[in-house]
């Protein structure tokens, strides 16, 4: 009997489809976003070398938010990843929304990172 894919399985299918088209390099790393119910995580990844250049999340000690599951948390994480990218010498990135809709926290994070100086 057929059972439809779960919400997580659907998101992972979408994520795999997106990742077929996106790769990050040292010049333009991949800005990978993951969000859970309580937190937002973001990494700058060089897929060629297989290493993380910079990361930020709502779990960081310098995080300015109490709760990581809202739009304010996404804006804060976006601002901090833009600062850390500038320190690492990164100006442009490839945005990987991780199978999540470009909406809410993910959108706030992207717009905040753009305001912070990242180009994508």
C-alpha atoms as a PDB file:
ATOM      1  CA  UNK A   1       0.000   0.000   0.000  1.00  0.00           C
ATOM      2  CA  UNK A   2       1.274   3.462  -0.918  1.00  0.00           C
ATOM      3  CA  UNK A   3       2.148   5.900   1.814  1.00  0.00           C
ATOM      4  CA  UNK A   4       3.027   9.465   0.835  1.00  0.00           C
ATOM      5  CA  UNK A   5       6.498  10.742   1.701  1.00  0.00           C
ATOM      6  CA  UNK A   6       6.853  12.484   5.035  1.00  0.00           C
ATOM      7  CA  UNK A   7       7.529  16.199   5.286  1.00  0.00           C
ATOM      8  CA  UNK A   8      11.219  15.493   6.004  1.00  0.00           C
ATOM      9  CA  UNK A   9      11.541  13.138   3.022  1.00  0.00           C
ATOM     10  CA  UNK A  10       9.974  15.748   0.724  1.00  0.00           C
ATOM     11  CA  UNK A  11      12.373  18.430   1.972  1.00  0.00           C
ATOM     12  CA  UNK A  12      15.365  16.130   1.447  1.00  0.00           C
ATOM     13  CA  UNK A  13      14.241  15.311  -2.105  1.00  0.00           C
ATOM     14  CA  UNK A  14      14.008  19.010  -2.874  1.00  0.00           C
ATOM     15  CA  UNK A  15      17.396  19.574  -1.249  1.00  0.00           C
ATOM     16  CA  UNK A  16      19.026  16.863  -3.391  1.00  0.00           C
ATOM     17  CA  UNK A  17      17.494  18.393  -6.517  1.00  0.00           C
ATOM     18  CA  UNK A  18      18.869  21.813  -5.579  1.00  0.00           C
ATOM     19  CA  UNK A  19      22.325  20.426  -4.732  1.00  0.00           C
ATOM     20  CA  UNK A  20      22.661  18.877  -8.196  1.00  0.00           C
ATOM     21  CA  UNK A  21      22.804  22.406  -9.576  1.00  0.00           C
ATOM     22  CA  UNK A  22      24.856  24.165  -6.883  1.00  0.00           C
ATOM     23  CA  UNK A  23      28.509  23.840  -5.968  1.00  0.00           C
ATOM     24  CA  UNK A  24      30.623  26.183  -3.918  1.00  0.00           C
ATOM     25  CA  UNK A  25      34.243  27.053  -4.578  1.00  0.00           C
ATOM     26  CA  UNK A  26      36.874  29.036  -2.711  1.00  0.00           C
ATOM     27  CA  UNK A  27      35.927  32.217  -4.629  1.00  0.00           C
ATOM     28  CA  UNK A  28      32.147  31.723  -4.332  1.00  0.00           C
ATOM     29  CA  UNK A  29      31.346  29.329  -1.493  1.00  0.00           C
ATOM     30  CA  UNK A  30      27.932  27.797  -0.900  1.00  0.00           C
ATOM     31  CA  UNK A  31      25.869  29.511   1.796  1.00  0.00           C
ATOM     32  CA  UNK A  32      24.068  26.476   3.213  1.00  0.00           C
ATOM     33  CA  UNK A  33      21.080  27.115   5.486  1.00  0.00           C
ATOM     34  CA  UNK A  34      19.495  24.656   7.876  1.00  0.00           C
ATOM     35  CA  UNK A  35      16.629  25.489  10.152  1.00  0.00           C
ATOM     36  CA  UNK A  36      15.064  23.454  12.889  1.00  0.00           C
ATOM     37  CA  UNK A  37      12.093  24.311  15.049  1.00  0.00           C
ATOM     38  CA  UNK A  38      14.278  26.046  17.620  1.00  0.00           C
ATOM     39  CA  UNK A  39      17.397  27.215  15.761  1.00  0.00           C
ATOM     40  CA  UNK A  40      18.901  28.458  12.483  1.00  0.00           C
ATOM     41  CA  UNK A  41      22.325  27.317  11.256  1.00  0.00           C
ATOM     42  CA  UNK A  42      24.319  28.618   8.288  1.00  0.00           C
ATOM     43  CA  UNK A  43      27.709  27.670   6.820  1.00  0.00           C
ATOM     44  CA  UNK A  44      29.963  28.933   4.046  1.00  0.00           C
ATOM     45  CA  UNK A  45      31.212  25.774   2.348  1.00  0.00           C
ATOM     46  CA  UNK A  46      33.955  25.267  -0.230  1.00  0.00           C
ATOM     47  CA  UNK A  47      32.741  22.080  -1.937  1.00  0.00           C
ATOM     48  CA  UNK A  48      35.903  21.699  -4.025  1.00  0.00           C
ATOM     49  CA  UNK A  49      38.172  21.477  -0.970  1.00  0.00           C
ATOM     50  CA  UNK A  50      35.431  19.991   1.203  1.00  0.00           C
ATOM     51  CA  UNK A  51      35.778  22.427   4.072  1.00  0.00           C
ATOM     52  CA  UNK A  52      33.713  24.979   5.956  1.00  0.00           C
ATOM     53  CA  UNK A  53      35.020  28.534   5.652  1.00  0.00           C
ATOM     54  CA  UNK A  54      32.744  30.175   8.238  1.00  0.00           C
ATOM     55  CA  UNK A  55      29.597  29.382  10.168  1.00  0.00           C
ATOM     56  CA  UNK A  56      27.004  31.045  12.375  1.00  0.00           C
ATOM     57  CA  UNK A  57      23.943  29.908  14.265  1.00  0.00           C
ATOM     58  CA  UNK A  58      21.533  30.917  16.966  1.00  0.00           C
ATOM     59  CA  UNK A  59      23.511  28.691  19.346  1.00  0.00           C
ATOM     60  CA  UNK A  60      26.601  30.951  19.187  1.00  0.00           C
ATOM     61  CA  UNK A  61      27.590  32.653  22.421  1.00  0.00           C
ATOM     62  CA  UNK A  62      27.511  36.089  20.733  1.00  0.00           C
ATOM     63  CA  UNK A  63      23.995  35.478  19.422  1.00  0.00           C
ATOM     64  CA  UNK A  64      21.750  38.437  20.163  1.00  0.00           C
ATOM     65  CA  UNK A  65      18.480  36.494  20.334  1.00  0.00           C
ATOM     66  CA  UNK A  66      16.778  34.551  23.096  1.00  0.00           C
ATOM     67  CA  UNK A  67      14.838  32.186  20.838  1.00  0.00           C
ATOM     68  CA  UNK A  68      16.152  30.933  17.501  1.00  0.00           C
ATOM     69  CA  UNK A  69      12.852  29.952  15.909  1.00  0.00           C
ATOM     70  CA  UNK A  70      11.705  33.345  14.647  1.00  0.00           C
ATOM     71  CA  UNK A  71      12.455  35.910  11.938  1.00  0.00           C
ATOM     72  CA  UNK A  72      14.569  38.072  14.263  1.00  0.00           C
ATOM     73  CA  UNK A  73      16.874  35.102  14.755  1.00  0.00           C
ATOM     74  CA  UNK A  74      17.231  34.678  10.980  1.00  0.00           C
ATOM     75  CA  UNK A  75      18.141  38.342  10.591  1.00  0.00           C
ATOM     76  CA  UNK A  76      20.721  38.116  13.385  1.00  0.00           C
ATOM     77  CA  UNK A  77      22.371  34.999  11.919  1.00  0.00           C
ATOM     78  CA  UNK A  78      22.430  36.593   8.441  1.00  0.00           C
ATOM     79  CA  UNK A  79      24.157  39.680   9.783  1.00  0.00           C
ATOM     80  CA  UNK A  80      26.774  37.609  11.635  1.00  0.00           C
ATOM     81  CA  UNK A  81      27.547  35.327   8.672  1.00  0.00           C
ATOM     82  CA  UNK A  82      28.078  38.413   6.491  1.00  0.00           C
ATOM     83  CA  UNK A  83      30.585  39.779   9.028  1.00  0.00           C
ATOM     84  CA  UNK A  84      32.428  36.458   9.227  1.00  0.00           C
ATOM     85  CA  UNK A  85      32.465  36.137   5.443  1.00  0.00           C
ATOM     86  CA  UNK A  86      34.026  39.585   5.158  1.00  0.00           C
ATOM     87  CA  UNK A  87      36.741  38.540   7.641  1.00  0.00           C
ATOM     88  CA  UNK A  88      37.399  35.442   5.513  1.00  0.00           C
ATOM     89  CA  UNK A  89      37.602  37.570   2.344  1.00  0.00           C
ATOM     90  CA  UNK A  90      34.393  36.258   0.749  1.00  0.00           C
ATOM     91  CA  UNK A  91      32.268  38.726  -1.224  1.00  0.00           C
ATOM     92  CA  UNK A  92      29.885  36.558  -3.262  1.00  0.00           C
ATOM     93  CA  UNK A  93      28.208  33.249  -2.467  1.00  0.00           C
ATOM     94  CA  UNK A  94      25.827  30.688  -3.937  1.00  0.00           C
ATOM     95  CA  UNK A  95      22.667  30.461  -1.802  1.00  0.00           C
ATOM     96  CA  UNK A  96      21.546  26.964  -0.799  1.00  0.00           C
ATOM     97  CA  UNK A  97      18.226  27.106   1.045  1.00  0.00           C
ATOM     98  CA  UNK A  98      18.485  23.427   1.990  1.00  0.00           C
ATOM     99  CA  UNK A  99      15.124  22.390   0.620  1.00  0.00           C
ATOM    100  CA  UNK A 100      13.302  24.921   2.792  1.00  0.00           C
ATOM    101  CA  UNK A 101      10.928  27.456   1.269  1.00  0.00           C
ATOM    102  CA  UNK A 102      12.384  30.914   0.639  1.00  0.00           C
ATOM    103  CA  UNK A 103      10.074  32.329   3.270  1.00  0.00           C
ATOM    104  CA  UNK A 104      10.193  33.489   6.884  1.00  0.00           C
ATOM    105  CA  UNK A 105      13.514  32.825   8.649  1.00  0.00           C
ATOM    106  CA  UNK A 106      15.303  31.698   5.479  1.00  0.00           C
ATOM    107  CA  UNK A 107      14.258  34.841   3.601  1.00  0.00           C
ATOM    108  CA  UNK A 108      15.151  37.080   6.566  1.00  0.00           C
ATOM    109  CA  UNK A 109      18.579  35.453   6.793  1.00  0.00           C
ATOM    110  CA  UNK A 110      19.243  35.945   3.064  1.00  0.00           C
ATOM    111  CA  UNK A 111      18.137  39.580   3.035  1.00  0.00           C
ATOM    112  CA  UNK A 112      20.168  40.361   6.169  1.00  0.00           C
ATOM    113  CA  UNK A 113      23.269  38.746   4.638  1.00  0.00           C
ATOM    114  CA  UNK A 114      22.769  40.852   1.488  1.00  0.00           C
ATOM    115  CA  UNK A 115      22.514  44.007   3.603  1.00  0.00           C
ATOM    116  CA  UNK A 116      25.717  42.929   5.354  1.00  0.00           C
ATOM    117  CA  UNK A 117      27.598  42.943   2.049  1.00  0.00           C
ATOM    118  CA  UNK A 118      27.288  39.431   0.609  1.00  0.00           C
ATOM    119  CA  UNK A 119      26.330  39.153  -3.061  1.00  0.00           C
ATOM    120  CA  UNK A 120      24.113  36.343  -4.362  1.00  0.00           C
END
